[in-house]
Amino acid sequence: MKKRKLKGYVLPTIYLLVIGIMAFGITFLSQSLLESEQIKDEHLNYTMSVFDETNDTTQKQDTTSSKQILKPFVSDQVTVAKEYYSKDDSSEKQEEALIYYENTYMPNTGILYESAEPFEVVAVLDGTVKEIKQDEILGNVITITHNNNLTTIYYTAGETKVKIGDDVTMGETIATSGTSKLQTNKPQTLLFETYLNGVLTNPNQIFEMSTKDFN
């Protein structure tokens, strides 16, 4: 049998074709891997973005729901005339927390505030006006009930801005300050009491709590 000899250009052509196919395969594979990595990165970035948005929302909600309980006024001219009388205080502090009326000293059951000028009285927390009454000694008295068994009472109020059954929001003006027959250094006063679970409580303890404690 006669052997046929391949022409001289055939082998180089085959080599070039093989090399071209291999180069094309490597390029295609590299491109596929790159696109795959980009998709993974985009998915990761999207996931992290969703997580960040959720985390930001949670933080905003936490911030919104953890406001400090307000004091019952906003004026910086208001000062404390008498602190809450506590049986656990020193005799000196107990003496300073006595209220004098008609030759009689009485333990202060709340915090007595005073000011030279009238000031707005505000709700310390969201709640509902339960009672409004007139007291011969303490003037107008407003009682507000809040969530989680908290009740706040505002004595010696002047002009009332709410009525029984009204829902009030934290910081809403419910009255103006008024005068009373209690002995104070300044004419405008507010006696503020708090009851937690039906028990008379030092208002300063309530001021240290947040709105989350009363959700």
N, C-alpha and C. Protein backbone atom coordinates (compact mmCIF):
# COMPACT_ATOMS: atom_id res chain seq x y z
N MET A 1 0.86 -1.18 0.00
CA MET A 1 0.00 0.00 0.00
C MET A 1 0.89 1.23 0.00
N LYS A 2 0.46 2.23 -0.75
CA LYS A 2 1.28 3.42 -0.86
C LYS A 2 0.90 4.41 0.24
N LYS A 3 1.89 4.80 1.00
CA LYS A 3 1.66 5.77 2.09
C LYS A 3 1.57 7.17 1.51
N ARG A 4 0.56 7.93 2.09
CA ARG A 4 0.43 9.31 1.65
C ARG A 4 1.05 10.25 2.68
N LYS A 5 1.74 11.18 2.20
CA LYS A 5 2.42 12.12 3.08
C LYS A 5 1.54 13.37 3.20
N LEU A 6 1.38 13.81 4.48
CA LEU A 6 0.60 15.04 4.69
C LEU A 6 1.37 16.23 4.16
N LYS A 7 0.61 17.12 3.58
CA LYS A 7 1.26 18.32 3.09
C LYS A 7 1.80 19.16 4.24
N GLY A 8 2.79 19.92 3.96
CA GLY A 8 3.50 20.66 5.02
C GLY A 8 2.67 21.66 5.79
N TYR A 9 1.61 22.19 5.22
CA TYR A 9 0.82 23.23 5.92
C TYR A 9 -0.30 22.65 6.77
N VAL A 10 -0.57 21.35 6.65
CA VAL A 10 -1.71 20.76 7.35
C VAL A 10 -1.51 20.73 8.86
N LEU A 11 -0.37 20.20 9.30
CA LEU A 11 -0.12 20.10 10.76
C LEU A 11 -0.11 21.47 11.45
N PRO A 12 0.59 22.44 10.90
CA PRO A 12 0.53 23.77 11.55
C PRO A 12 -0.88 24.33 11.64
N THR A 13 -1.67 24.04 10.59
CA THR A 13 -3.06 24.53 10.60
C THR A 13 -3.86 23.87 11.71
N ILE A 14 -3.66 22.56 11.89
CA ILE A 14 -4.37 21.84 12.97
C ILE A 14 -3.95 22.38 14.33
N TYR A 15 -2.64 22.60 14.48
CA TYR A 15 -2.16 23.15 15.76
C TYR A 15 -2.80 24.50 16.05
N LEU A 16 -2.84 25.34 15.04
CA LEU A 16 -3.44 26.67 15.22
C LEU A 16 -4.92 26.58 15.59
N LEU A 17 -5.63 25.63 14.94
CA LEU A 17 -7.05 25.44 15.25
C LEU A 17 -7.24 24.99 16.68
N VAL A 18 -6.40 24.02 17.11
CA VAL A 18 -6.50 23.51 18.49
C VAL A 18 -6.21 24.62 19.49
N ILE A 19 -5.13 25.37 19.19
CA ILE A 19 -4.77 26.47 20.10
C ILE A 19 -5.89 27.51 20.14
N GLY A 20 -6.50 27.79 18.98
CA GLY A 20 -7.59 28.77 18.93
C GLY A 20 -8.79 28.33 19.73
N ILE A 21 -9.13 27.01 19.56
CA ILE A 21 -10.27 26.47 20.32
C ILE A 21 -10.01 26.54 21.81
N MET A 22 -8.76 26.17 22.23
CA MET A 22 -8.41 26.22 23.66
C MET A 22 -8.48 27.66 24.18
N ALA A 23 -7.96 28.60 23.40
CA ALA A 23 -7.98 30.00 23.82
C ALA A 23 -9.41 30.50 23.97
N PHE A 24 -10.25 30.14 22.97
CA PHE A 24 -11.66 30.54 23.04
C PHE A 24 -12.35 29.95 24.26
N GLY A 25 -12.04 28.67 24.56
CA GLY A 25 -12.64 28.01 25.73
C GLY A 25 -12.23 28.67 27.02
N ILE A 26 -10.93 29.00 27.11
CA ILE A 26 -10.43 29.66 28.33
C ILE A 26 -11.08 31.03 28.51
N THR A 27 -11.18 31.78 27.40
CA THR A 27 -11.80 33.12 27.46
C THR A 27 -13.26 33.02 27.88
N PHE A 28 -13.99 32.07 27.27
CA PHE A 28 -15.40 31.87 27.60
C PHE A 28 -15.58 31.47 29.06
N LEU A 29 -14.72 30.55 29.52
CA LEU A 29 -14.80 30.10 30.92
C LEU A 29 -14.51 31.23 31.89
N SER A 30 -13.47 32.04 31.56
CA SER A 30 -13.10 33.18 32.42
C SER A 30 -14.24 34.18 32.50
N GLN A 31 -14.86 34.47 31.34
CA GLN A 31 -15.98 35.42 31.30
C GLN A 31 -17.15 34.92 32.13
N SER A 32 -17.42 33.60 32.01
CA SER A 32 -18.53 33.00 32.76
C SER A 32 -18.28 33.10 34.26
N LEU A 33 -17.04 32.80 34.65
CA LEU A 33 -16.69 32.88 36.08
C LEU A 33 -16.81 34.31 36.59
N LEU A 34 -16.35 35.28 35.75
CA LEU A 34 -16.41 36.69 36.15
C LEU A 34 -17.85 37.14 36.34
N GLU A 35 -18.73 36.76 35.37
CA GLU A 35 -20.14 37.13 35.48
C GLU A 35 -20.78 36.49 36.70
N SER A 36 -20.37 35.24 36.97
CA SER A 36 -20.90 34.54 38.14
C SER A 36 -20.52 35.25 39.42
N GLU A 37 -19.25 35.72 39.48
CA GLU A 37 -18.78 36.43 40.67
C GLU A 37 -19.50 37.76 40.82
N GLN A 38 -19.77 38.44 39.67
CA GLN A 38 -20.50 39.72 39.72
C GLN A 38 -21.91 39.52 40.24
N ILE A 39 -22.55 38.44 39.78
CA ILE A 39 -23.91 38.15 40.25
C ILE A 39 -23.91 37.89 41.75
N LYS A 40 -22.87 37.13 42.20
CA LYS A 40 -22.77 36.85 43.63
C LYS A 40 -22.56 38.13 44.42
N ASP A 41 -21.68 39.02 43.89
CA ASP A 41 -21.41 40.28 44.58
C ASP A 41 -22.66 41.15 44.63
N GLU A 42 -23.41 41.20 43.50
CA GLU A 42 -24.64 42.00 43.48
C GLU A 42 -25.65 41.45 44.46
N HIS A 43 -25.76 40.12 44.52
CA HIS A 43 -26.69 39.49 45.46
C HIS A 43 -26.27 39.78 46.90
N LEU A 44 -24.94 39.71 47.15
CA LEU A 44 -24.44 39.98 48.50
C LEU A 44 -24.69 41.43 48.89
N ASN A 45 -24.41 42.35 47.92
CA ASN A 45 -24.63 43.77 48.20
C ASN A 45 -26.10 44.05 48.46
N TYR A 46 -26.98 43.42 47.66
CA TYR A 46 -28.41 43.60 47.87
C TYR A 46 -28.84 43.09 49.23
N THR A 47 -28.32 41.90 49.58
CA THR A 47 -28.65 41.31 50.88
C THR A 47 -28.19 42.21 52.02
N MET A 48 -26.94 42.72 51.90
CA MET A 48 -26.41 43.60 52.94
C MET A 48 -27.20 44.89 53.01
N SER A 49 -27.63 45.39 51.80
CA SER A 49 -28.42 46.62 51.76
C SER A 49 -29.75 46.43 52.47
N VAL A 50 -30.41 45.31 52.20
CA VAL A 50 -31.69 45.00 52.87
C VAL A 50 -31.48 44.90 54.36
N PHE A 51 -30.39 44.24 54.75
CA PHE A 51 -30.09 44.10 56.18
C PHE A 51 -29.87 45.43 56.83
N ASP A 52 -29.09 46.32 56.13
CA ASP A 52 -28.81 47.65 56.67
C ASP A 52 -30.08 48.46 56.82
N GLU A 53 -30.97 48.38 55.76
CA GLU A 53 -32.23 49.12 55.83
C GLU A 53 -33.09 48.63 56.98
N THR A 54 -33.15 47.31 57.15
CA THR A 54 -33.93 46.73 58.25
C THR A 54 -33.36 47.15 59.59
N ASN A 55 -32.02 47.13 59.67
CA ASN A 55 -31.36 47.51 60.92
C ASN A 55 -31.61 48.97 61.25
N ASP A 56 -31.53 49.85 60.18
CA ASP A 56 -31.79 51.27 60.38
C ASP A 56 -33.21 51.50 60.85
N THR A 57 -34.17 50.78 60.22
CA THR A 57 -35.57 50.92 60.60
C THR A 57 -35.79 50.50 62.04
N THR A 58 -35.15 49.38 62.42
CA THR A 58 -35.28 48.88 63.80
C THR A 58 -34.74 49.90 64.77
N GLN A 59 -33.56 50.48 64.43
CA GLN A 59 -32.96 51.46 65.32
C GLN A 59 -33.85 52.68 65.45
N LYS A 60 -34.46 53.11 64.31
CA LYS A 60 -35.35 54.27 64.37
C LYS A 60 -36.57 53.96 65.23
N GLN A 61 -37.10 52.75 65.09
CA GLN A 61 -38.26 52.38 65.88
C GLN A 61 -37.90 52.33 67.36
N ASP A 62 -36.70 51.78 67.66
CA ASP A 62 -36.27 51.72 69.06
C ASP A 62 -36.12 53.11 69.63
N THR A 63 -35.53 54.02 68.79
CA THR A 63 -35.35 55.39 69.26
C THR A 63 -36.69 56.05 69.50
N THR A 64 -37.62 55.80 68.58
CA THR A 64 -38.94 56.41 68.73
C THR A 64 -39.66 55.90 69.96
N SER A 65 -39.49 54.62 70.27
CA SER A 65 -40.25 54.01 71.35
C SER A 65 -39.54 54.05 72.70
N SER A 66 -38.44 54.77 72.77
CA SER A 66 -37.72 54.78 74.03
C SER A 66 -37.46 56.20 74.53
N LYS A 67 -38.44 57.08 74.32
CA LYS A 67 -38.32 58.45 74.81
C LYS A 67 -38.39 58.48 76.33
N GLN A 68 -37.68 59.42 76.90
CA GLN A 68 -37.71 59.60 78.34
C GLN A 68 -39.05 60.21 78.75
N ILE A 69 -39.56 59.77 79.90
CA ILE A 69 -40.80 60.35 80.42
C ILE A 69 -40.57 61.84 80.69
N LEU A 70 -41.52 62.66 80.28
CA LEU A 70 -41.38 64.11 80.46
C LEU A 70 -41.68 64.55 81.88
N LYS A 71 -41.17 65.70 82.24
CA LYS A 71 -41.63 66.38 83.45
C LYS A 71 -42.89 67.16 83.08
N PRO A 72 -43.70 67.53 84.05
CA PRO A 72 -45.01 68.11 83.71
C PRO A 72 -44.98 69.59 83.33
N PHE A 73 -43.87 70.05 82.80
CA PHE A 73 -43.75 71.45 82.37
C PHE A 73 -42.62 71.54 81.36
N VAL A 74 -42.55 72.64 80.62
CA VAL A 74 -41.48 72.83 79.64
C VAL A 74 -40.67 74.09 79.92
N SER A 75 -41.17 74.97 80.75
CA SER A 75 -40.49 76.23 81.05
C SER A 75 -39.22 75.98 81.87
N ASP A 76 -38.15 76.70 81.50
CA ASP A 76 -36.91 76.58 82.26
C ASP A 76 -36.89 77.51 83.48
N GLN A 77 -38.01 78.20 83.70
CA GLN A 77 -38.13 79.09 84.87
C GLN A 77 -38.73 78.37 86.08
N VAL A 78 -39.17 77.13 85.85
CA VAL A 78 -39.80 76.37 86.93
C VAL A 78 -38.73 75.70 87.79
N THR A 79 -38.89 75.80 89.09
CA THR A 79 -37.95 75.17 90.03
C THR A 79 -38.73 74.32 91.04
N VAL A 80 -38.00 73.48 91.75
CA VAL A 80 -38.63 72.62 92.76
C VAL A 80 -38.73 73.38 94.08
N ALA A 81 -39.95 73.49 94.60
CA ALA A 81 -40.16 74.12 95.90
C ALA A 81 -40.02 73.08 97.02
N LYS A 82 -40.61 71.90 96.80
CA LYS A 82 -40.54 70.81 97.78
C LYS A 82 -40.40 69.48 97.07
N GLU A 83 -39.45 68.67 97.50
CA GLU A 83 -39.27 67.33 96.93
C GLU A 83 -40.26 66.36 97.56
N TYR A 84 -40.32 65.18 96.99
CA TYR A 84 -41.17 64.10 97.50
C TYR A 84 -40.66 63.64 98.87
N TYR A 85 -41.57 63.44 99.81
CA TYR A 85 -41.20 62.99 101.15
C TYR A 85 -41.08 61.46 101.15
N SER A 86 -39.88 60.97 101.46
CA SER A 86 -39.64 59.52 101.50
C SER A 86 -39.23 59.11 102.91
N LYS A 87 -39.81 58.02 103.38
CA LYS A 87 -39.47 57.52 104.71
C LYS A 87 -38.04 56.99 104.77
N ASP A 88 -37.45 56.76 103.60
CA ASP A 88 -36.08 56.24 103.55
C ASP A 88 -35.02 57.35 103.52
N ASP A 89 -35.47 58.59 103.37
CA ASP A 89 -34.52 59.71 103.32
C ASP A 89 -34.00 60.06 104.71
N SER A 90 -32.94 60.84 104.72
CA SER A 90 -32.39 61.33 105.98
C SER A 90 -33.38 62.29 106.62
N SER A 91 -33.23 62.50 107.91
CA SER A 91 -34.15 63.40 108.63
C SER A 91 -34.07 64.82 108.07
N GLU A 92 -32.89 65.18 107.57
CA GLU A 92 -32.72 66.51 107.00
C GLU A 92 -33.54 66.66 105.71
N LYS A 93 -33.47 65.65 104.84
CA LYS A 93 -34.24 65.69 103.60
C LYS A 93 -35.73 65.59 103.87
N GLN A 94 -36.10 64.80 104.87
CA GLN A 94 -37.52 64.68 105.22
C GLN A 94 -38.07 66.02 105.70
N GLU A 95 -37.27 66.74 106.45
CA GLU A 95 -37.70 68.05 106.96
C GLU A 95 -37.89 69.03 105.80
N GLU A 96 -37.00 68.95 104.79
CA GLU A 96 -37.10 69.84 103.64
C GLU A 96 -38.30 69.49 102.76
N ALA A 97 -38.80 68.27 102.89
CA ALA A 97 -39.93 67.82 102.07
C ALA A 97 -41.27 67.97 102.77
N LEU A 98 -41.31 68.72 103.86
CA LEU A 98 -42.57 68.98 104.56
C LEU A 98 -43.25 70.22 103.99
N ILE A 99 -44.55 70.13 103.80
CA ILE A 99 -45.35 71.26 103.33
C ILE A 99 -46.04 71.92 104.51
N TYR A 100 -45.98 73.24 104.55
CA TYR A 100 -46.57 73.98 105.68
C TYR A 100 -47.90 74.60 105.24
N TYR A 101 -48.93 74.31 106.04
CA TYR A 101 -50.25 74.87 105.75
C TYR A 101 -51.02 75.03 107.06
N GLU A 102 -51.46 76.27 107.33
CA GLU A 102 -52.24 76.60 108.52
C GLU A 102 -51.64 76.00 109.80
N ASN A 103 -50.39 76.41 110.01
CA ASN A 103 -49.66 76.01 111.23
C ASN A 103 -49.45 74.49 111.34
N THR A 104 -49.53 73.81 110.20
CA THR A 104 -49.35 72.35 110.23
C THR A 104 -48.34 71.93 109.14
N TYR A 105 -47.43 71.03 109.52
CA TYR A 105 -46.46 70.49 108.57
C TYR A 105 -46.95 69.12 108.09
N MET A 106 -46.96 68.95 106.77
CA MET A 106 -47.45 67.69 106.19
C MET A 106 -46.41 67.14 105.22
N PRO A 107 -46.21 65.81 105.20
CA PRO A 107 -45.29 65.21 104.23
C PRO A 107 -45.77 65.48 102.80
N ASN A 108 -44.86 65.87 101.93
CA ASN A 108 -45.22 66.13 100.54
C ASN A 108 -45.38 64.81 99.79
N THR A 109 -46.54 64.60 99.21
CA THR A 109 -46.85 63.33 98.54
C THR A 109 -46.50 63.33 97.05
N GLY A 110 -45.90 64.42 96.60
CA GLY A 110 -45.46 64.51 95.20
C GLY A 110 -44.25 65.42 95.12
N ILE A 111 -44.14 66.13 94.00
CA ILE A 111 -43.13 67.18 93.89
C ILE A 111 -43.86 68.49 93.67
N LEU A 112 -43.54 69.48 94.49
CA LEU A 112 -44.18 70.79 94.39
C LEU A 112 -43.25 71.72 93.60
N TYR A 113 -43.75 72.18 92.45
CA TYR A 113 -42.98 73.08 91.60
C TYR A 113 -43.49 74.51 91.78
N GLU A 114 -42.62 75.48 91.50
CA GLU A 114 -43.03 76.88 91.61
C GLU A 114 -42.34 77.73 90.56
N SER A 115 -42.94 78.88 90.27
CA SER A 115 -42.38 79.81 89.30
C SER A 115 -42.94 81.21 89.56
N ALA A 116 -42.15 82.22 89.20
CA ALA A 116 -42.62 83.60 89.38
C ALA A 116 -43.68 83.94 88.34
N GLU A 117 -43.64 83.27 87.19
CA GLU A 117 -44.58 83.54 86.10
C GLU A 117 -45.41 82.30 85.79
N PRO A 118 -46.62 82.49 85.26
CA PRO A 118 -47.44 81.33 84.86
C PRO A 118 -46.69 80.47 83.84
N PHE A 119 -46.93 79.17 83.86
CA PHE A 119 -46.28 78.26 82.91
C PHE A 119 -47.27 77.18 82.48
N GLU A 120 -46.99 76.57 81.34
CA GLU A 120 -47.86 75.52 80.81
C GLU A 120 -47.60 74.20 81.53
N VAL A 121 -48.68 73.50 81.82
CA VAL A 121 -48.60 72.17 82.43
C VAL A 121 -48.86 71.14 81.31
N VAL A 122 -47.97 70.16 81.16
CA VAL A 122 -48.10 69.20 80.06
C VAL A 122 -48.23 67.77 80.59
N ALA A 123 -48.83 66.92 79.77
CA ALA A 123 -48.95 65.50 80.10
C ALA A 123 -47.58 64.85 79.97
N VAL A 124 -47.19 64.07 80.96
CA VAL A 124 -45.86 63.46 80.95
C VAL A 124 -45.80 62.24 80.04
N LEU A 125 -46.97 61.72 79.65
CA LEU A 125 -47.06 60.50 78.86
C LEU A 125 -48.45 60.45 78.21
N ASP A 126 -48.58 59.69 77.13
CA ASP A 126 -49.90 59.50 76.53
C ASP A 126 -50.87 58.92 77.56
N GLY A 127 -52.10 59.36 77.52
CA GLY A 127 -53.07 58.84 78.47
C GLY A 127 -54.47 59.38 78.23
N THR A 128 -55.34 59.15 79.20
CA THR A 128 -56.74 59.59 79.12
C THR A 128 -57.09 60.35 80.38
N VAL A 129 -57.77 61.49 80.21
CA VAL A 129 -58.19 62.29 81.37
C VAL A 129 -59.31 61.56 82.09
N LYS A 130 -59.03 61.16 83.32
CA LYS A 130 -60.01 60.38 84.08
C LYS A 130 -60.89 61.27 84.94
N GLU A 131 -60.33 62.34 85.49
CA GLU A 131 -61.10 63.18 86.42
C GLU A 131 -60.56 64.60 86.43
N ILE A 132 -61.47 65.55 86.58
CA ILE A 132 -61.12 66.95 86.81
C ILE A 132 -62.01 67.46 87.93
N LYS A 133 -61.40 68.00 88.96
CA LYS A 133 -62.20 68.47 90.09
C LYS A 133 -61.57 69.72 90.69
N GLN A 134 -62.36 70.38 91.53
CA GLN A 134 -61.92 71.58 92.21
C GLN A 134 -61.67 71.26 93.67
N ASP A 135 -60.50 71.68 94.18
CA ASP A 135 -60.16 71.49 95.58
C ASP A 135 -60.00 72.85 96.25
N GLU A 136 -60.55 72.98 97.43
CA GLU A 136 -60.54 74.28 98.13
C GLU A 136 -59.12 74.76 98.41
N ILE A 137 -58.23 73.83 98.70
CA ILE A 137 -56.85 74.19 99.04
C ILE A 137 -55.93 74.14 97.81
N LEU A 138 -56.13 73.12 96.97
CA LEU A 138 -55.19 72.86 95.88
C LEU A 138 -55.68 73.30 94.51
N GLY A 139 -56.80 73.97 94.44
CA GLY A 139 -57.28 74.48 93.16
C GLY A 139 -57.78 73.37 92.24
N ASN A 140 -57.60 73.54 90.93
CA ASN A 140 -58.04 72.52 89.97
C ASN A 140 -57.11 71.31 90.03
N VAL A 141 -57.72 70.12 89.97
CA VAL A 141 -56.96 68.86 90.04
C VAL A 141 -57.31 68.01 88.82
N ILE A 142 -56.30 67.63 88.05
CA ILE A 142 -56.50 66.82 86.84
C ILE A 142 -55.84 65.46 87.04
N THR A 143 -56.61 64.40 86.81
CA THR A 143 -56.08 63.03 86.94
C THR A 143 -56.06 62.37 85.56
N ILE A 144 -54.90 61.81 85.20
CA ILE A 144 -54.73 61.14 83.91
C ILE A 144 -54.25 59.71 84.14
N THR A 145 -54.89 58.77 83.46
CA THR A 145 -54.46 57.37 83.53
C THR A 145 -53.65 57.03 82.28
N HIS A 146 -52.60 56.23 82.47
CA HIS A 146 -51.71 55.84 81.39
C HIS A 146 -51.63 54.31 81.32
N ASN A 147 -50.95 53.80 80.32
CA ASN A 147 -50.76 52.35 80.20
C ASN A 147 -49.93 51.81 81.36
N ASN A 148 -50.05 50.52 81.57
CA ASN A 148 -49.24 49.81 82.57
C ASN A 148 -49.47 50.33 83.99
N ASN A 149 -50.72 50.71 84.28
CA ASN A 149 -51.12 51.06 85.65
C ASN A 149 -50.40 52.28 86.21
N LEU A 150 -50.13 53.27 85.38
CA LEU A 150 -49.57 54.53 85.87
C LEU A 150 -50.67 55.58 85.87
N THR A 151 -50.77 56.30 86.99
CA THR A 151 -51.70 57.41 87.11
C THR A 151 -50.93 58.64 87.54
N THR A 152 -51.18 59.77 86.87
CA THR A 152 -50.53 61.02 87.25
C THR A 152 -51.61 62.04 87.63
N ILE A 153 -51.30 62.83 88.68
CA ILE A 153 -52.26 63.82 89.17
C ILE A 153 -51.58 65.19 89.21
N TYR A 154 -52.27 66.19 88.66
CA TYR A 154 -51.73 67.55 88.54
C TYR A 154 -52.58 68.47 89.42
N TYR A 155 -52.05 68.86 90.57
CA TYR A 155 -52.77 69.74 91.50
C TYR A 155 -52.39 71.20 91.26
N THR A 156 -53.21 72.08 91.76
CA THR A 156 -53.04 73.54 91.72
C THR A 156 -53.02 74.07 90.28
N ALA A 157 -53.68 73.36 89.37
CA ALA A 157 -53.74 73.84 87.99
C ALA A 157 -54.62 75.08 87.90
N GLY A 158 -54.30 75.94 86.96
CA GLY A 158 -55.10 77.14 86.74
C GLY A 158 -56.19 76.84 85.71
N GLU A 159 -56.05 77.40 84.52
CA GLU A 159 -57.02 77.15 83.45
C GLU A 159 -56.77 75.77 82.85
N THR A 160 -57.81 74.95 82.82
CA THR A 160 -57.68 73.60 82.24
C THR A 160 -57.96 73.65 80.73
N LYS A 161 -57.18 72.86 79.98
CA LYS A 161 -57.30 72.84 78.52
C LYS A 161 -57.94 71.53 78.03
N VAL A 162 -58.31 70.66 78.94
CA VAL A 162 -58.87 69.35 78.57
C VAL A 162 -60.15 69.11 79.34
N LYS A 163 -60.84 68.03 78.94
CA LYS A 163 -62.05 67.64 79.67
C LYS A 163 -62.01 66.14 79.93
N ILE A 164 -62.86 65.69 80.82
CA ILE A 164 -62.89 64.27 81.19
C ILE A 164 -63.16 63.42 79.94
N GLY A 165 -62.37 62.35 79.78
CA GLY A 165 -62.52 61.45 78.63
C GLY A 165 -61.60 61.77 77.48
N ASP A 166 -60.94 62.93 77.51
CA ASP A 166 -60.03 63.29 76.42
C ASP A 166 -58.78 62.39 76.43
N ASP A 167 -58.36 61.99 75.23
CA ASP A 167 -57.08 61.31 75.09
C ASP A 167 -56.01 62.38 74.86
N VAL A 168 -54.96 62.33 75.65
CA VAL A 168 -53.89 63.32 75.53
C VAL A 168 -52.60 62.63 75.11
N THR A 169 -51.75 63.39 74.46
CA THR A 169 -50.46 62.86 74.03
C THR A 169 -49.33 63.43 74.88
N MET A 170 -48.25 62.73 74.89
CA MET A 170 -47.08 63.13 75.65
C MET A 170 -46.62 64.53 75.23
N GLY A 171 -46.51 65.45 76.19
CA GLY A 171 -46.10 66.81 75.91
C GLY A 171 -47.22 67.77 75.59
N GLU A 172 -48.46 67.27 75.51
CA GLU A 172 -49.61 68.13 75.21
C GLU A 172 -49.95 69.00 76.42
N THR A 173 -50.25 70.26 76.16
CA THR A 173 -50.63 71.17 77.25
C THR A 173 -52.01 70.80 77.76
N ILE A 174 -52.12 70.55 79.05
CA ILE A 174 -53.40 70.18 79.63
C ILE A 174 -53.96 71.29 80.54
N ALA A 175 -53.10 72.24 80.93
CA ALA A 175 -53.55 73.32 81.82
C ALA A 175 -52.44 74.36 81.93
N THR A 176 -52.76 75.42 82.64
CA THR A 176 -51.73 76.38 83.04
C THR A 176 -51.48 76.20 84.53
N SER A 177 -50.37 76.73 84.99
CA SER A 177 -50.11 76.69 86.43
C SER A 177 -51.11 77.57 87.16
N GLY A 178 -51.22 77.37 88.45
CA GLY A 178 -52.18 78.16 89.23
C GLY A 178 -51.61 78.51 90.59
N THR A 179 -52.47 79.02 91.42
CA THR A 179 -52.07 79.38 92.79
C THR A 179 -52.77 78.45 93.77
N SER A 180 -52.21 78.36 94.95
CA SER A 180 -52.81 77.52 95.99
C SER A 180 -52.60 78.17 97.34
N LYS A 181 -53.10 77.52 98.36
CA LYS A 181 -52.94 78.04 99.73
C LYS A 181 -51.71 77.44 100.41
N LEU A 182 -50.94 76.67 99.66
CA LEU A 182 -49.71 76.12 100.21
C LEU A 182 -48.64 77.22 100.27
N GLN A 183 -47.78 77.12 101.26
CA GLN A 183 -46.74 78.13 101.43
C GLN A 183 -45.59 77.86 100.47
N THR A 184 -45.36 78.78 99.55
CA THR A 184 -44.25 78.68 98.59
C THR A 184 -43.59 80.05 98.47
N ASN A 185 -42.41 80.07 97.86
CA ASN A 185 -41.69 81.32 97.69
C ASN A 185 -42.15 82.08 96.45
N LYS A 186 -42.75 81.37 95.49
CA LYS A 186 -43.20 81.99 94.26
C LYS A 186 -44.68 81.69 94.07
N PRO A 187 -45.43 82.59 93.42
CA PRO A 187 -46.90 82.47 93.38
C PRO A 187 -47.45 81.34 92.52
N GLN A 188 -46.80 81.06 91.38
CA GLN A 188 -47.33 80.04 90.46
C GLN A 188 -46.81 78.65 90.86
N THR A 189 -47.73 77.71 91.02
CA THR A 189 -47.32 76.39 91.53
C THR A 189 -47.95 75.24 90.75
N LEU A 190 -47.37 74.05 90.95
CA LEU A 190 -47.92 72.80 90.45
C LEU A 190 -47.45 71.70 91.38
N LEU A 191 -48.41 70.98 91.96
CA LEU A 191 -48.08 69.81 92.77
C LEU A 191 -48.35 68.57 91.92
N PHE A 192 -47.32 67.77 91.71
CA PHE A 192 -47.41 66.63 90.80
C PHE A 192 -47.23 65.32 91.56
N GLU A 193 -48.24 64.42 91.45
CA GLU A 193 -48.19 63.11 92.11
C GLU A 193 -48.23 61.99 91.08
N THR A 194 -47.63 60.86 91.43
CA THR A 194 -47.66 59.68 90.56
C THR A 194 -48.01 58.43 91.37
N TYR A 195 -48.84 57.59 90.76
CA TYR A 195 -49.20 56.31 91.36
C TYR A 195 -48.87 55.20 90.35
N LEU A 196 -48.06 54.25 90.77
CA LEU A 196 -47.70 53.12 89.92
C LEU A 196 -48.28 51.85 90.54
N ASN A 197 -49.14 51.18 89.77
CA ASN A 197 -49.86 50.00 90.28
C ASN A 197 -50.62 50.32 91.56
N GLY A 198 -51.19 51.53 91.60
CA GLY A 198 -52.00 51.94 92.74
C GLY A 198 -51.21 52.39 93.95
N VAL A 199 -49.88 52.43 93.85
CA VAL A 199 -49.04 52.79 94.99
C VAL A 199 -48.40 54.16 94.74
N LEU A 200 -48.53 55.05 95.72
CA LEU A 200 -47.90 56.37 95.62
C LEU A 200 -46.39 56.19 95.42
N THR A 201 -45.86 56.83 94.37
CA THR A 201 -44.46 56.64 93.98
C THR A 201 -43.77 57.98 93.81
N ASN A 202 -42.49 58.02 94.14
CA ASN A 202 -41.71 59.24 93.94
C ASN A 202 -41.68 59.57 92.45
N PRO A 203 -42.15 60.75 92.05
CA PRO A 203 -42.14 61.11 90.62
C PRO A 203 -40.76 61.02 89.99
N ASN A 204 -39.72 61.26 90.77
CA ASN A 204 -38.36 61.18 90.23
C ASN A 204 -38.05 59.78 89.69
N GLN A 205 -38.65 58.75 90.27
CA GLN A 205 -38.46 57.39 89.77
C GLN A 205 -39.14 57.22 88.41
N ILE A 206 -40.28 57.87 88.24
CA ILE A 206 -40.98 57.81 86.96
C ILE A 206 -40.19 58.54 85.87
N PHE A 207 -39.59 59.67 86.22
CA PHE A 207 -38.83 60.44 85.25
C PHE A 207 -37.61 59.67 84.74
N GLU A 208 -37.14 58.71 85.50
CA GLU A 208 -35.98 57.89 85.09
C GLU A 208 -36.39 56.76 84.14
N MET A 209 -37.68 56.56 83.98
CA MET A 209 -38.19 55.48 83.11
C MET A 209 -38.40 56.02 81.69
N SER A 210 -38.61 55.11 80.75
CA SER A 210 -38.86 55.49 79.36
C SER A 210 -40.25 55.04 78.93
N THR A 211 -40.66 55.52 77.76
CA THR A 211 -41.98 55.18 77.25
C THR A 211 -42.11 53.66 77.00
N LYS A 212 -40.99 53.00 76.75
CA LYS A 212 -41.02 51.54 76.52
C LYS A 212 -41.53 50.80 77.75
N ASP A 213 -41.32 51.40 78.93
CA ASP A 213 -41.77 50.76 80.16
C ASP A 213 -43.29 50.82 80.31
N PHE A 214 -43.94 51.62 79.46
CA PHE A 214 -45.38 51.80 79.58
C PHE A 214 -46.10 51.48 78.28
N ASN A 215 -45.50 50.63 77.43
CA ASN A 215 -46.14 50.20 76.19
C ASN A 215 -47.13 49.08 76.45
